[in-house]
Every structure is written in C-alpha cells, then in structure tokens.
Amino acid sequence: MTRRTYAAALVDALAEEMQADPAISVVGSYVLGLGPARFEFERIRKGHADRVFDPPSAEAGLVMLGVGAALAGGRPFISLGTAAFSYVAFSAIVNEAANVHFQSGGLSRCPLVLHMLHGVRGGGAPQHSHSPQAQYWNAPGLEIVLPSTPRDAKGLLRTALRSPNPTLLLDHAKLLGVEGEVPDEPGFAIPFGQGEVKRPGRDVTLVGTSWTVGVALEAAEVLAREGIEAEVFDPRTLVPFDEAGLFASVERTGRVVVIDECVLNCSVASEISARIAQHRFGALKGPIVRIGRPAAPAPYSPPLEGAIIPSVAQVVDAARALVRQP
C-alpha cells in the first residue's frame, strides 16, 4: 500500500493504462482543474505527449469527437472540466454516446470516458458548482462512477478505461487533495456495481456518494461518541448500482439517512430512497431521511455557500432523531 492523494491516484491509473493500451488518448489538459493538483497531470503530458490534445472550449464537439474516435477503435478520455460545462454537450452525451450500442443492435460499442469535476468547490458560484449525476442517471446507456477515496479513484478509473461502454467519471473538486492508502499491485481495479461499507454499524445506515461519503464518516464519528453505531455505505457507482449491498445494510440497521450534493428534487438521494421504500419498506424502523442541496443557485459568498451543502451537523441531527424516536 502507498499513500497517495486522490489526484495522484487518478493520474497513476491513467498513466498505467495509457502505457498498456495505445488506443487510449486524452482530450483536455485541465483534467485536475486549475488548482495545485493540476501539476500531477504533467506526468501524462510528458510520458504520452503524442496522445494528449488541448482542444478549444467546445464541449458538444469534444463529446462527438470522442464518440467518433471510440467507434473507430480508440479509447478516448475526454475532460469536460467543470461538470456544468457538460450541459453544453447534453444532447451528444444522452442522444449519441448513450445510444450507440442499442441503436446498432449491439453491433457497435462506445468505449468512451467522459470526465468532469462536480460539486460546490469554493467560490464556484452558480455556473461552476453543479452536481449533474442525477440527470445523467436518468439517461439509459451510461455508466456513472462517483469515487470517494484515492483507492476508489484509481480502481474505478482503471475499470472505466477498460469498459466497452460510455462512462461518466465525476470527481468532486474538494477530493483532489485528499490522501489515502492505495494498493500497489499491478492491475488493481474495482468492478462497477460493487458498493462498499466504509464503516460498519448496527443502528443507522448513512448512504453517501463522492464527497458526502466523507461527511457521513465524520458524522459517524460524532455519533459513536454518543453510543450510536452508524454504518456508512458508499455505492461507488450509480450505473450499475449495488442494490444488494444497500439493502443488506438497510436490513442490518432499519434506519437510513441518504446524503447527496445534488439539488434534492429528483436527486441521487431521492432515487436511492425510492428503491429502499419500494423494496425494503418492511425493514424500516422509521422514515427515510434525505439530505441534499436546496433548489437554489449556488451563491458565491462563502458563508452562503456553506449553508447550502450537506453538513456533518445535519447528518448527526437526522441520525440521532431516527435512533432516539419513540
């Protein structure tokens, strides 16, 4: 095991797979944003300069370029930058990339990775703070990946780069500098559709994705000091989704809080809650609680920005109320 930052783990996976597979190319030089983490990407640029392309700002065109390259035998990794920029390419992603396999009667594949940085990152304001994963979850044909740790980032990216399907990799901008242990074994990968219990517990399940997994873990620490054992479950991928792992956790605890950085209306938290209510209603000892962003544009002001994102205090209060209800 080696201690790596989230950003370094991503670059490790990308560099190793590019070394192994000459079909992989990178379009977009700001894979890691414009912060300090961006320097990690220089390893890719220096090691594979002939397969790194710096495009103009034309997201719809880039996605269609990626679709064409994938159909021609390539494995493009397309960086769309901030997740909000993917809206410009929404039709290309949902109408083209997602439908290639189906509309060809299974004869064609689209091995394309679309990478974006999502979430309220600090000073992003309304146009740079989106988490659009729930919108893409509504589009059949796309695999959707939401790592929460450096280990998951490396293992899931490697799987994405080997997948025959169009895959959306959404990394939270706040995670890039987070450190964690990453396996050293060659070819380390994490299969899609396998969630993970990040912390075992028996009293309440806290379901988080991406950055909110860390929020859930912090809340679990606070709850533990009060004698409440919170289990933290991370699905890691939305498509495919690990229903079996989620339901097993719900059956163990009987209480659920789902934390999500999407706007709460029609959010990831809403879909996860709906699945639990439909398929494991009998296991519940209380109502499912959803915690997400309010239906309002993200403010630029740091105090206002802090007020709209899920907090440890919100999760602790919700879990405590569920466990202690009569």
C-alpha atoms as a PDB file:
ATOM      1  CA  MET A   1       0.000   0.000   0.000  1.00  0.00           C
ATOM      2  CA  THR A   2       1.186   3.510  -0.809  1.00  0.00           C
ATOM      3  CA  ARG A   3      -0.222   6.765   0.492  1.00  0.00           C
ATOM      4  CA  ARG A   4      -1.390   8.903  -2.435  1.00  0.00           C
ATOM      5  CA  THR A   5      -3.571  11.916  -2.998  1.00  0.00           C
ATOM      6  CA  TYR A   6      -6.817  11.445  -4.889  1.00  0.00           C
ATOM      7  CA  ALA A   7      -5.388  13.383  -7.854  1.00  0.00           C
ATOM      8  CA  ALA A   8      -2.175  11.339  -7.908  1.00  0.00           C
ATOM      9  CA  ALA A   9      -4.158   8.084  -7.785  1.00  0.00           C
ATOM     10  CA  LEU A  10      -6.198   9.178 -10.808  1.00  0.00           C
ATOM     11  CA  VAL A  11      -3.059  10.008 -12.754  1.00  0.00           C
ATOM     12  CA  ASP A  12      -1.450   6.712 -11.711  1.00  0.00           C
ATOM     13  CA  ALA A  13      -4.346   4.758 -13.210  1.00  0.00           C
ATOM     14  CA  LEU A  14      -4.430   6.853 -16.370  1.00  0.00           C
ATOM     15  CA  ALA A  15      -0.661   6.641 -16.892  1.00  0.00           C
ATOM     16  CA  GLU A  16      -0.539   2.888 -16.331  1.00  0.00           C
ATOM     17  CA  GLU A  17      -3.441   2.209 -18.673  1.00  0.00           C
ATOM     18  CA  MET A  18      -2.026   4.507 -21.374  1.00  0.00           C
ATOM     19  CA  GLN A  19       1.244   2.607 -21.137  1.00  0.00           C
ATOM     20  CA  ALA A  20      -0.590  -0.697 -21.555  1.00  0.00           C
ATOM     21  CA  ASP A  21      -3.096   0.374 -24.219  1.00  0.00           C
ATOM     22  CA  PRO A  22      -2.004   2.650 -27.111  1.00  0.00           C
ATOM     23  CA  ALA A  23      -5.658   3.206 -28.046  1.00  0.00           C
ATOM     24  CA  ILE A  24      -6.184   5.472 -25.014  1.00  0.00           C
ATOM     25  CA  SER A  25      -5.841   9.206 -25.642  1.00  0.00           C
ATOM     26  CA  VAL A  26      -6.628  12.252 -23.543  1.00  0.00           C
ATOM     27  CA  VAL A  27      -8.503  15.248 -24.869  1.00  0.00           C
ATOM     28  CA  GLY A  28      -8.369  18.209 -22.478  1.00  0.00           C
ATOM     29  CA  SER A  29      -5.456  19.369 -20.342  1.00  0.00           C
ATOM     30  CA  TYR A  30      -7.370  20.530 -17.256  1.00  0.00           C
ATOM     31  CA  VAL A  31      -8.355  17.080 -16.008  1.00  0.00           C
ATOM     32  CA  LEU A  32      -7.496  18.137 -12.446  1.00  0.00           C
ATOM     33  CA  GLY A  33      -8.803  21.674 -12.648  1.00  0.00           C
ATOM     34  CA  LEU A  34      -6.732  24.806 -12.142  1.00  0.00           C
ATOM     35  CA  GLY A  35      -5.683  24.273  -8.525  1.00  0.00           C
ATOM     36  CA  PRO A  36      -2.445  22.797  -7.140  1.00  0.00           C
ATOM     37  CA  ALA A  37      -3.476  19.263  -8.140  1.00  0.00           C
ATOM     38  CA  ARG A  38      -3.127  20.160 -11.811  1.00  0.00           C
ATOM     39  CA  PHE A  39       0.643  19.590 -11.705  1.00  0.00           C
ATOM     40  CA  GLU A  40       0.078  15.852 -11.274  1.00  0.00           C
ATOM     41  CA  PHE A  41      -1.150  15.748 -14.862  1.00  0.00           C
ATOM     42  CA  GLU A  42       2.273  16.772 -16.171  1.00  0.00           C
ATOM     43  CA  ARG A  43       3.307  13.122 -15.858  1.00  0.00           C
ATOM     44  CA  ILE A  44       0.761  12.256 -18.545  1.00  0.00           C
ATOM     45  CA  ARG A  45       1.782  15.121 -20.782  1.00  0.00           C
ATOM     46  CA  LYS A  46       5.475  14.233 -20.584  1.00  0.00           C
ATOM     47  CA  GLY A  47       5.049  10.490 -20.861  1.00  0.00           C
ATOM     48  CA  HIS A  48       2.445  10.465 -23.632  1.00  0.00           C
ATOM     49  CA  ALA A  49       2.762  13.820 -25.382  1.00  0.00           C
ATOM     50  CA  ASP A  50       1.586  12.348 -28.688  1.00  0.00           C
ATOM     51  CA  ARG A  51      -1.725  11.278 -27.139  1.00  0.00           C
ATOM     52  CA  VAL A  52      -2.649  14.426 -25.184  1.00  0.00           C
ATOM     53  CA  PHE A  53      -4.636  17.027 -27.086  1.00  0.00           C
ATOM     54  CA  ASP A  54      -5.512  20.567 -25.997  1.00  0.00           C
ATOM     55  CA  PRO A  55      -8.860  21.419 -27.586  1.00  0.00           C
ATOM     56  CA  PRO A  56     -10.806  24.664 -27.806  1.00  0.00           C
ATOM     57  CA  SER A  57     -13.772  25.198 -25.485  1.00  0.00           C
ATOM     58  CA  ALA A  58     -16.417  23.319 -27.452  1.00  0.00           C
ATOM     59  CA  GLU A  59     -17.839  20.622 -25.208  1.00  0.00           C
ATOM     60  CA  ALA A  60     -20.503  19.320 -27.601  1.00  0.00           C
ATOM     61  CA  GLY A  61     -17.897  18.966 -30.323  1.00  0.00           C
ATOM     62  CA  LEU A  62     -15.480  17.222 -27.950  1.00  0.00           C
ATOM     63  CA  VAL A  63     -18.033  14.606 -26.949  1.00  0.00           C
ATOM     64  CA  MET A  64     -18.881  13.910 -30.596  1.00  0.00           C
ATOM     65  CA  LEU A  65     -15.148  13.727 -31.352  1.00  0.00           C
ATOM     66  CA  GLY A  66     -14.902  11.151 -28.574  1.00  0.00           C
ATOM     67  CA  VAL A  67     -17.860   9.157 -29.884  1.00  0.00           C
ATOM     68  CA  GLY A  68     -16.343   9.068 -33.359  1.00  0.00           C
ATOM     69  CA  ALA A  69     -12.932   8.062 -32.036  1.00  0.00           C
ATOM     70  CA  ALA A  70     -14.488   5.296 -29.924  1.00  0.00           C
ATOM     71  CA  LEU A  71     -16.413   3.942 -32.912  1.00  0.00           C
ATOM     72  CA  ALA A  72     -13.188   3.974 -34.929  1.00  0.00           C
ATOM     73  CA  GLY A  73     -11.354   1.801 -32.393  1.00  0.00           C
ATOM     74  CA  GLY A  74      -9.963   4.354 -29.983  1.00  0.00           C
ATOM     75  CA  ARG A  75     -10.483   4.688 -26.237  1.00  0.00           C
ATOM     76  CA  PRO A  76     -10.708   8.439 -25.670  1.00  0.00           C
ATOM     77  CA  PHE A  77     -10.666  10.040 -22.229  1.00  0.00           C
ATOM     78  CA  ILE A  78     -12.467  13.363 -22.680  1.00  0.00           C
ATOM     79  CA  SER A  79     -12.082  16.005 -19.995  1.00  0.00           C
ATOM     80  CA  LEU A  80     -15.050  18.390 -19.881  1.00  0.00           C
ATOM     81  CA  GLY A  81     -13.668  20.395 -16.962  1.00  0.00           C
ATOM     82  CA  THR A  82     -16.300  21.648 -14.575  1.00  0.00           C
ATOM     83  CA  ALA A  83     -19.401  19.446 -14.614  1.00  0.00           C
ATOM     84  CA  ALA A  84     -21.664  22.371 -15.508  1.00  0.00           C
ATOM     85  CA  PHE A  85     -19.903  22.555 -18.878  1.00  0.00           C
ATOM     86  CA  SER A  86     -21.286  19.115 -19.726  1.00  0.00           C
ATOM     87  CA  TYR A  87     -24.723  20.713 -20.151  1.00  0.00           C
ATOM     88  CA  VAL A  88     -23.498  22.213 -23.422  1.00  0.00           C
ATOM     89  CA  ALA A  89     -22.874  18.644 -24.582  1.00  0.00           C
ATOM     90  CA  PHE A  90     -26.017  17.119 -23.079  1.00  0.00           C
ATOM     91  CA  SER A  91     -27.505  16.013 -26.395  1.00  0.00           C
ATOM     92  CA  ALA A  92     -24.235  14.498 -27.553  1.00  0.00           C
ATOM     93  CA  ILE A  93     -23.911  12.539 -24.296  1.00  0.00           C
ATOM     94  CA  VAL A  94     -27.529  11.408 -23.941  1.00  0.00           C
ATOM     95  CA  ASN A  95     -28.640  11.128 -27.569  1.00  0.00           C
ATOM     96  CA  GLU A  96     -25.428   9.853 -29.131  1.00  0.00           C
ATOM     97  CA  ALA A  97     -22.903   8.251 -26.760  1.00  0.00           C
ATOM     98  CA  ALA A  98     -25.548   6.562 -24.625  1.00  0.00           C
ATOM     99  CA  ASN A  99     -27.439   5.099 -27.597  1.00  0.00           C
ATOM    100  CA  VAL A 100     -24.684   3.691 -29.809  1.00  0.00           C
ATOM    101  CA  HIS A 101     -24.921   0.106 -28.578  1.00  0.00           C
ATOM    102  CA  PHE A 102     -28.722  -0.039 -28.583  1.00  0.00           C
ATOM    103  CA  GLN A 103     -29.265   1.652 -31.924  1.00  0.00           C
ATOM    104  CA  SER A 104     -26.711  -0.577 -33.648  1.00  0.00           C
ATOM    105  CA  GLY A 105     -28.482  -3.698 -32.440  1.00  0.00           C
ATOM    106  CA  GLY A 106     -25.477  -4.494 -30.252  1.00  0.00           C
ATOM    107  CA  LEU A 107     -23.024  -4.404 -33.167  1.00  0.00           C
ATOM    108  CA  SER A 108     -21.181  -1.248 -32.076  1.00  0.00           C
ATOM    109  CA  ARG A 109     -19.666  -0.118 -28.792  1.00  0.00           C
ATOM    110  CA  CYS A 110     -18.647   3.293 -27.497  1.00  0.00           C
ATOM    111  CA  PRO A 111     -15.690   2.855 -25.082  1.00  0.00           C
ATOM    112  CA  LEU A 112     -15.543   6.491 -24.049  1.00  0.00           C
ATOM    113  CA  VAL A 113     -14.724   8.057 -20.665  1.00  0.00           C
ATOM    114  CA  LEU A 114     -16.188  11.499 -20.000  1.00  0.00           C
ATOM    115  CA  HIS A 115     -14.528  13.136 -17.015  1.00  0.00           C
ATOM    116  CA  MET A 116     -15.800  16.130 -15.050  1.00  0.00           C
ATOM    117  CA  LEU A 117     -15.277  17.862 -11.704  1.00  0.00           C
ATOM    118  CA  HIS A 118     -18.536  18.318  -9.826  1.00  0.00           C
ATOM    119  CA  GLY A 119     -19.708  19.882  -6.596  1.00  0.00           C
ATOM    120  CA  VAL A 120     -19.592  23.092  -4.599  1.00  0.00           C
ATOM    121  CA  ARG A 121     -15.875  23.650  -4.693  1.00  0.00           C
ATOM    122  CA  GLY A 122     -15.458  27.061  -3.070  1.00  0.00           C
ATOM    123  CA  GLY A 123     -16.190  30.265  -4.984  1.00  0.00           C
ATOM    124  CA  GLY A 124     -17.648  28.445  -7.969  1.00  0.00           C
ATOM    125  CA  ALA A 125     -20.912  30.422  -7.880  1.00  0.00           C
ATOM    126  CA  PRO A 126     -23.968  29.294  -9.895  1.00  0.00           C
ATOM    127  CA  GLN A 127     -22.200  28.281 -13.112  1.00  0.00           C
ATOM    128  CA  HIS A 128     -19.348  26.199 -11.678  1.00  0.00           C
ATOM    129  CA  SER A 129     -20.891  24.323  -8.739  1.00  0.00           C
ATOM    130  CA  HIS A 130     -23.174  21.726 -10.307  1.00  0.00           C
ATOM    131  CA  SER A 131     -23.534  18.035  -9.495  1.00  0.00           C
ATOM    132  CA  PRO A 132     -25.453  16.682 -12.517  1.00  0.00           C
ATOM    133  CA  GLN A 133     -25.118  12.950 -11.818  1.00  0.00           C
ATOM    134  CA  ALA A 134     -28.840  12.510 -11.130  1.00  0.00           C
ATOM    135  CA  GLN A 135     -29.680  13.979 -14.529  1.00  0.00           C
ATOM    136  CA  TYR A 136     -27.375  11.527 -16.269  1.00  0.00           C
ATOM    137  CA  TRP A 137     -28.702   8.650 -14.151  1.00  0.00           C
ATOM    138  CA  ASN A 138     -31.992   9.306 -15.942  1.00  0.00           C
ATOM    139  CA  ALA A 139     -30.342   8.541 -19.308  1.00  0.00           C
ATOM    140  CA  PRO A 140     -30.098   4.797 -20.094  1.00  0.00           C
ATOM    141  CA  GLY A 141     -26.856   3.615 -21.656  1.00  0.00           C
ATOM    142  CA  LEU A 142     -24.348   5.480 -19.483  1.00  0.00           C
ATOM    143  CA  GLU A 143     -22.177   4.045 -16.734  1.00  0.00           C
ATOM    144  CA  ILE A 144     -21.761   6.550 -13.874  1.00  0.00           C
ATOM    145  CA  VAL A 145     -18.848   6.484 -11.433  1.00  0.00           C
ATOM    146  CA  LEU A 146     -18.502   8.527  -8.209  1.00  0.00           C
ATOM    147  CA  PRO A 147     -15.299   7.684  -6.300  1.00  0.00           C
ATOM    148  CA  SER A 148     -14.847   8.956  -2.730  1.00  0.00           C
ATOM    149  CA  THR A 149     -11.257   7.931  -1.890  1.00  0.00           C
ATOM    150  CA  PRO A 150      -7.881   7.734  -3.665  1.00  0.00           C
ATOM    151  CA  ARG A 151      -8.149   3.927  -3.641  1.00  0.00           C
ATOM    152  CA  ASP A 152     -11.560   4.018  -5.299  1.00  0.00           C
ATOM    153  CA  ALA A 153     -10.449   6.695  -7.751  1.00  0.00           C
ATOM    154  CA  LYS A 154      -7.616   4.530  -9.062  1.00  0.00           C
ATOM    155  CA  GLY A 155      -9.520   1.253  -9.056  1.00  0.00           C
ATOM    156  CA  LEU A 156     -12.666   2.627 -10.665  1.00  0.00           C
ATOM    157  CA  LEU A 157     -10.854   4.702 -13.289  1.00  0.00           C
ATOM    158  CA  ARG A 158      -8.927   1.630 -14.412  1.00  0.00           C
ATOM    159  CA  THR A 159     -12.217  -0.228 -14.851  1.00  0.00           C
ATOM    160  CA  ALA A 160     -13.677   2.741 -16.748  1.00  0.00           C
ATOM    161  CA  LEU A 161     -10.718   2.797 -19.131  1.00  0.00           C
ATOM    162  CA  ARG A 162     -11.305  -0.883 -19.906  1.00  0.00           C
ATOM    163  CA  SER A 163     -15.095  -0.694 -20.193  1.00  0.00           C
ATOM    164  CA  PRO A 164     -16.774  -1.166 -23.592  1.00  0.00           C
ATOM    165  CA  ASN A 165     -19.432   1.383 -22.596  1.00  0.00           C
ATOM    166  CA  PRO A 166     -19.604   5.191 -22.358  1.00  0.00           C
ATOM    167  CA  THR A 167     -18.678   6.020 -18.775  1.00  0.00           C
ATOM    168  CA  LEU A 168     -19.120   9.256 -16.848  1.00  0.00           C
ATOM    169  CA  LEU A 169     -16.457   9.753 -14.168  1.00  0.00           C
ATOM    170  CA  LEU A 170     -17.426  12.513 -11.760  1.00  0.00           C
ATOM    171  CA  ASP A 171     -14.745  13.580  -9.292  1.00  0.00           C
ATOM    172  CA  HIS A 172     -15.510  16.102  -6.574  1.00  0.00           C
ATOM    173  CA  ALA A 173     -13.161  19.065  -6.756  1.00  0.00           C
ATOM    174  CA  LYS A 174     -12.675  19.013  -2.970  1.00  0.00           C
ATOM    175  CA  LEU A 175     -11.408  15.434  -3.057  1.00  0.00           C
ATOM    176  CA  LEU A 176      -8.380  16.036  -5.291  1.00  0.00           C
ATOM    177  CA  GLY A 177      -6.024  16.771  -2.396  1.00  0.00           C
ATOM    178  CA  VAL A 178      -7.393  14.107  -0.035  1.00  0.00           C
ATOM    179  CA  GLU A 179      -4.848  11.410   0.903  1.00  0.00           C
ATOM    180  CA  GLY A 180      -5.373   7.692   1.419  1.00  0.00           C
ATOM    181  CA  GLU A 181      -3.834   4.247   1.043  1.00  0.00           C
ATOM    182  CA  VAL A 182      -3.804   2.799  -2.474  1.00  0.00           C
ATOM    183  CA  PRO A 183      -2.885  -0.823  -3.329  1.00  0.00           C
ATOM    184  CA  ASP A 184       0.404  -1.312  -5.156  1.00  0.00           C
ATOM    185  CA  GLU A 185      -0.434  -4.499  -7.018  1.00  0.00           C
ATOM    186  CA  PRO A 186      -0.283  -4.200 -10.813  1.00  0.00           C
ATOM    187  CA  GLY A 187      -3.653  -4.033 -12.498  1.00  0.00           C
ATOM    188  CA  PHE A 188      -5.548  -3.170  -9.317  1.00  0.00           C
ATOM    189  CA  ALA A 189      -9.149  -2.431 -10.333  1.00  0.00           C
ATOM    190  CA  ILE A 190     -12.567  -2.185  -8.695  1.00  0.00           C
ATOM    191  CA  PRO A 191     -15.518  -3.709 -10.574  1.00  0.00           C
ATOM    192  CA  PHE A 192     -18.512  -1.492 -11.242  1.00  0.00           C
ATOM    193  CA  GLY A 193     -21.663  -2.251  -9.277  1.00  0.00           C
ATOM    194  CA  GLN A 194     -19.873  -3.202  -6.053  1.00  0.00           C
ATOM    195  CA  GLY A 195     -20.529  -0.758  -3.249  1.00  0.00           C
ATOM    196  CA  GLU A 196     -18.570  -0.748  -0.023  1.00  0.00           C
ATOM    197  CA  VAL A 197     -19.342  -0.438   3.657  1.00  0.00           C
ATOM    198  CA  LYS A 198     -16.865   2.257   4.661  1.00  0.00           C
ATOM    199  CA  ARG A 199     -17.726   1.843   8.338  1.00  0.00           C
ATOM    200  CA  PRO A 200     -19.811  -0.941   9.934  1.00  0.00           C
ATOM    201  CA  GLY A 201     -22.662  -0.179  12.328  1.00  0.00           C
ATOM    202  CA  ARG A 202     -25.956  -1.511  13.632  1.00  0.00           C
ATOM    203  CA  ASP A 203     -28.154   1.477  14.487  1.00  0.00           C
ATOM    204  CA  VAL A 204     -28.498   3.566  11.316  1.00  0.00           C
ATOM    205  CA  THR A 205     -27.216   3.477   7.729  1.00  0.00           C
ATOM    206  CA  LEU A 206     -25.676   6.637   6.291  1.00  0.00           C
ATOM    207  CA  VAL A 207     -25.560   6.441   2.490  1.00  0.00           C
ATOM    208  CA  GLY A 208     -23.195   8.859   0.784  1.00  0.00           C
ATOM    209  CA  THR A 209     -21.618   9.285  -2.641  1.00  0.00           C
ATOM    210  CA  SER A 210     -18.441  11.089  -3.667  1.00  0.00           C
ATOM    211  CA  TRP A 211     -17.583  13.911  -1.223  1.00  0.00           C
ATOM    212  CA  THR A 212     -20.596  13.223   1.004  1.00  0.00           C
ATOM    213  CA  VAL A 213     -19.095   9.849   1.991  1.00  0.00           C
ATOM    214  CA  GLY A 214     -16.567  11.863   3.976  1.00  0.00           C
ATOM    215  CA  VAL A 215     -19.398  13.871   5.539  1.00  0.00           C
ATOM    216  CA  ALA A 216     -21.091  10.609   6.536  1.00  0.00           C
ATOM    217  CA  LEU A 217     -17.880   9.238   8.069  1.00  0.00           C
ATOM    218  CA  GLU A 218     -17.347  12.385  10.122  1.00  0.00           C
ATOM    219  CA  ALA A 219     -20.942  12.221  11.309  1.00  0.00           C
ATOM    220  CA  ALA A 220     -20.465   8.561  12.262  1.00  0.00           C
ATOM    221  CA  GLU A 221     -17.504   9.546  14.448  1.00  0.00           C
ATOM    222  CA  VAL A 222     -19.633  12.122  16.280  1.00  0.00           C
ATOM    223  CA  LEU A 223     -22.495   9.657  16.707  1.00  0.00           C
ATOM    224  CA  ALA A 224     -20.141   6.988  18.044  1.00  0.00           C
ATOM    225  CA  ARG A 225     -19.244   9.266  20.941  1.00  0.00           C
ATOM    226  CA  GLU A 226     -22.939   9.253  21.822  1.00  0.00           C
ATOM    227  CA  GLY A 227     -23.180   5.473  21.677  1.00  0.00           C
ATOM    228  CA  ILE A 228     -24.869   5.388  18.249  1.00  0.00           C
ATOM    229  CA  GLU A 229     -23.270   2.982  15.759  1.00  0.00           C
ATOM    230  CA  ALA A 230     -23.710   4.354  12.241  1.00  0.00           C
ATOM    231  CA  GLU A 231     -22.926   2.239   9.200  1.00  0.00           C
ATOM    232  CA  VAL A 232     -21.619   4.177   6.181  1.00  0.00           C
ATOM    233  CA  PHE A 233     -22.416   2.705   2.770  1.00  0.00           C
ATOM    234  CA  ASP A 234     -20.893   4.005  -0.472  1.00  0.00           C
ATOM    235  CA  PRO A 235     -22.389   2.590  -3.711  1.00  0.00           C
ATOM    236  CA  ARG A 236     -19.350   3.928  -5.635  1.00  0.00           C
ATOM    237  CA  THR A 237     -21.188   3.637  -8.958  1.00  0.00           C
ATOM    238  CA  LEU A 238     -24.721   4.694  -9.826  1.00  0.00           C
ATOM    239  CA  VAL A 239     -24.808   2.614 -13.010  1.00  0.00           C
ATOM    240  CA  PRO A 240     -24.548  -0.256 -12.353  1.00  0.00           C
ATOM    241  CA  PHE A 241     -25.940   0.165  -8.839  1.00  0.00           C
ATOM    242  CA  ASP A 242     -25.288  -2.202  -5.939  1.00  0.00           C
ATOM    243  CA  GLU A 243     -28.830  -2.712  -4.659  1.00  0.00           C
ATOM    244  CA  ALA A 244     -27.879  -5.908  -2.849  1.00  0.00           C
ATOM    245  CA  GLY A 245     -25.216  -4.144  -0.798  1.00  0.00           C
ATOM    246  CA  LEU A 246     -27.510  -1.242   0.001  1.00  0.00           C
ATOM    247  CA  PHE A 247     -30.430  -3.452   1.011  1.00  0.00           C
ATOM    248  CA  ALA A 248     -28.210  -5.623   3.200  1.00  0.00           C
ATOM    249  CA  SER A 249     -27.148  -2.531   5.124  1.00  0.00           C
ATOM    250  CA  VAL A 250     -30.744  -1.352   5.486  1.00  0.00           C
ATOM    251  CA  GLU A 251     -31.764  -4.754   6.817  1.00  0.00           C
ATOM    252  CA  ARG A 252     -28.991  -4.603   9.420  1.00  0.00           C
ATOM    253  CA  THR A 253     -29.916  -1.183  10.777  1.00  0.00           C
ATOM    254  CA  GLY A 254     -33.547  -0.448   9.843  1.00  0.00           C
ATOM    255  CA  ARG A 255     -32.867   3.299   9.676  1.00  0.00           C
ATOM    256  CA  VAL A 256     -31.487   5.302   6.750  1.00  0.00           C
ATOM    257  CA  VAL A 257     -30.123   8.783   6.078  1.00  0.00           C
ATOM    258  CA  VAL A 258     -29.104   9.473   2.457  1.00  0.00           C
ATOM    259  CA  ILE A 259     -26.670  12.348   1.851  1.00  0.00           C
ATOM    260  CA  ASP A 260     -26.223  13.821  -1.614  1.00  0.00           C
ATOM    261  CA  GLU A 261     -24.807  17.027  -3.082  1.00  0.00           C
ATOM    262  CA  CYS A 262     -27.325  17.172  -5.912  1.00  0.00           C
ATOM    263  CA  VAL A 263     -30.254  19.546  -5.608  1.00  0.00           C
ATOM    264  CA  LEU A 264     -32.708  17.463  -3.597  1.00  0.00           C
ATOM    265  CA  ASN A 265     -35.513  17.470  -6.194  1.00  0.00           C
ATOM    266  CA  CYS A 266     -35.172  14.302  -8.313  1.00  0.00           C
ATOM    267  CA  SER A 267     -31.722  13.743  -6.805  1.00  0.00           C
ATOM    268  CA  VAL A 268     -29.486  10.719  -6.279  1.00  0.00           C
ATOM    269  CA  ALA A 269     -30.769  10.713  -2.687  1.00  0.00           C
ATOM    270  CA  SER A 270     -34.337  10.631  -3.981  1.00  0.00           C
ATOM    271  CA  GLU A 271     -33.730   7.620  -6.238  1.00  0.00           C
ATOM    272  CA  ILE A 272     -31.863   5.678  -3.543  1.00  0.00           C
ATOM    273  CA  SER A 273     -34.632   6.442  -1.052  1.00  0.00           C
ATOM    274  CA  ALA A 274     -37.288   5.341  -3.532  1.00  0.00           C
ATOM    275  CA  ARG A 275     -35.583   1.991  -4.091  1.00  0.00           C
ATOM    276  CA  ILE A 276     -35.371   1.351  -0.362  1.00  0.00           C
ATOM    277  CA  ALA A 277     -39.016   2.326   0.141  1.00  0.00           C
ATOM    278  CA  GLN A 278     -40.166   0.104  -2.731  1.00  0.00           C
ATOM    279  CA  HIS A 279     -38.100  -2.988  -1.979  1.00  0.00           C
ATOM    280  CA  ARG A 280     -37.206  -2.897   1.742  1.00  0.00           C
ATOM    281  CA  PHE A 281     -40.070  -0.976   3.338  1.00  0.00           C
ATOM    282  CA  GLY A 282     -40.671  -3.774   5.808  1.00  0.00           C
ATOM    283  CA  ALA A 283     -37.137  -3.497   7.168  1.00  0.00           C
ATOM    284  CA  LEU A 284     -37.516   0.175   8.117  1.00  0.00           C
ATOM    285  CA  LYS A 285     -37.990   1.262  11.724  1.00  0.00           C
ATOM    286  CA  GLY A 286     -38.566   4.895  10.782  1.00  0.00           C
ATOM    287  CA  PRO A 287     -38.842   7.252   7.805  1.00  0.00           C
ATOM    288  CA  ILE A 288     -36.014   7.614   5.294  1.00  0.00           C
ATOM    289  CA  VAL A 289     -34.277  10.983   5.624  1.00  0.00           C
ATOM    290  CA  ARG A 290     -32.785  12.762   2.593  1.00  0.00           C
ATOM    291  CA  ILE A 291     -30.165  15.486   2.932  1.00  0.00           C
ATOM    292  CA  GLY A 292     -29.140  17.479  -0.147  1.00  0.00           C
ATOM    293  CA  ARG A 293     -28.847  20.944  -1.618  1.00  0.00           C
ATOM    294  CA  PRO A 294     -31.860  23.262  -1.707  1.00  0.00           C
ATOM    295  CA  ALA A 295     -33.401  24.234  -5.041  1.00  0.00           C
ATOM    296  CA  ALA A 296     -31.404  27.437  -5.402  1.00  0.00           C
ATOM    297  CA  PRO A 297     -28.366  28.521  -7.440  1.00  0.00           C
ATOM    298  CA  ALA A 298     -25.071  28.156  -5.609  1.00  0.00           C
ATOM    299  CA  PRO A 299     -24.033  31.514  -4.094  1.00  0.00           C
ATOM    300  CA  TYR A 300     -20.516  32.922  -4.403  1.00  0.00           C
ATOM    301  CA  SER A 301     -20.417  34.126  -0.794  1.00  0.00           C
ATOM    302  CA  PRO A 302     -18.519  31.569   1.355  1.00  0.00           C
ATOM    303  CA  PRO A 303     -20.977  31.722   4.296  1.00  0.00           C
ATOM    304  CA  LEU A 304     -23.990  31.325   1.999  1.00  0.00           C
ATOM    305  CA  GLU A 305     -22.227  28.621   0.038  1.00  0.00           C
ATOM    306  CA  GLY A 306     -21.579  26.733   3.255  1.00  0.00           C
ATOM    307  CA  ALA A 307     -25.244  26.961   4.157  1.00  0.00           C
ATOM    308  CA  ILE A 308     -26.448  25.042   1.082  1.00  0.00           C
ATOM    309  CA  ILE A 309     -24.176  21.992   1.182  1.00  0.00           C
ATOM    310  CA  PRO A 310     -24.822  18.932   3.371  1.00  0.00           C
ATOM    311  CA  SER A 311     -23.142  19.284   6.747  1.00  0.00           C
ATOM    312  CA  VAL A 312     -21.975  16.889   9.435  1.00  0.00           C
ATOM    313  CA  ALA A 313     -24.350  18.575  11.881  1.00  0.00           C
ATOM    314  CA  GLN A 314     -27.344  17.899   9.601  1.00  0.00           C
ATOM    315  CA  VAL A 315     -26.462  14.234   9.320  1.00  0.00           C
ATOM    316  CA  VAL A 316     -25.849  13.849  13.050  1.00  0.00           C
ATOM    317  CA  ASP A 317     -29.161  15.510  13.918  1.00  0.00           C
ATOM    318  CA  ALA A 318     -31.078  13.346  11.445  1.00  0.00           C
ATOM    319  CA  ALA A 319     -29.488  10.090  12.560  1.00  0.00           C
ATOM    320  CA  ARG A 320     -29.869  10.921  16.229  1.00  0.00           C
ATOM    321  CA  ALA A 321     -33.560  11.710  15.778  1.00  0.00           C
ATOM    322  CA  LEU A 322     -34.161   8.426  13.941  1.00  0.00           C
ATOM    323  CA  VAL A 323     -32.412   6.290  16.541  1.00  0.00           C
ATOM    324  CA  ARG A 324     -33.987   8.013  19.523  1.00  0.00           C
ATOM    325  CA  GLN A 325     -37.527   8.318  18.223  1.00  0.00           C
ATOM    326  CA  PRO A 326     -40.151   6.581  20.409  1.00  0.00           C
END
